[in-house]
């Protein structure tokens, strides 16, 4: 579960409560809550803007690095970009 700090926070908390009650039978639950990551000097009013960046770094970039390792393909290298006339 990815929890942000925007207007949908109540829905995220509801989903967390549902998951942690054990209703689904799953015991391996990962919850990433951007509120748990401190950013010194950042005002609370701007956290709603920055929280998607936190998730991007933690999830998307991490998965991309894993994908590079598994496929042995550097994602900075474009295979087809500017190779053909479209």
Foldseek 3Di string as FASTA:
>chain_A
DEAADDPCNVVVVVVVVVVVVCPVVDPDDDYHHLVVDDDPPDDPVCRNVCRVVVCCVVPVVVVLVVVCVVVVDDPVDDDCVVVDDD
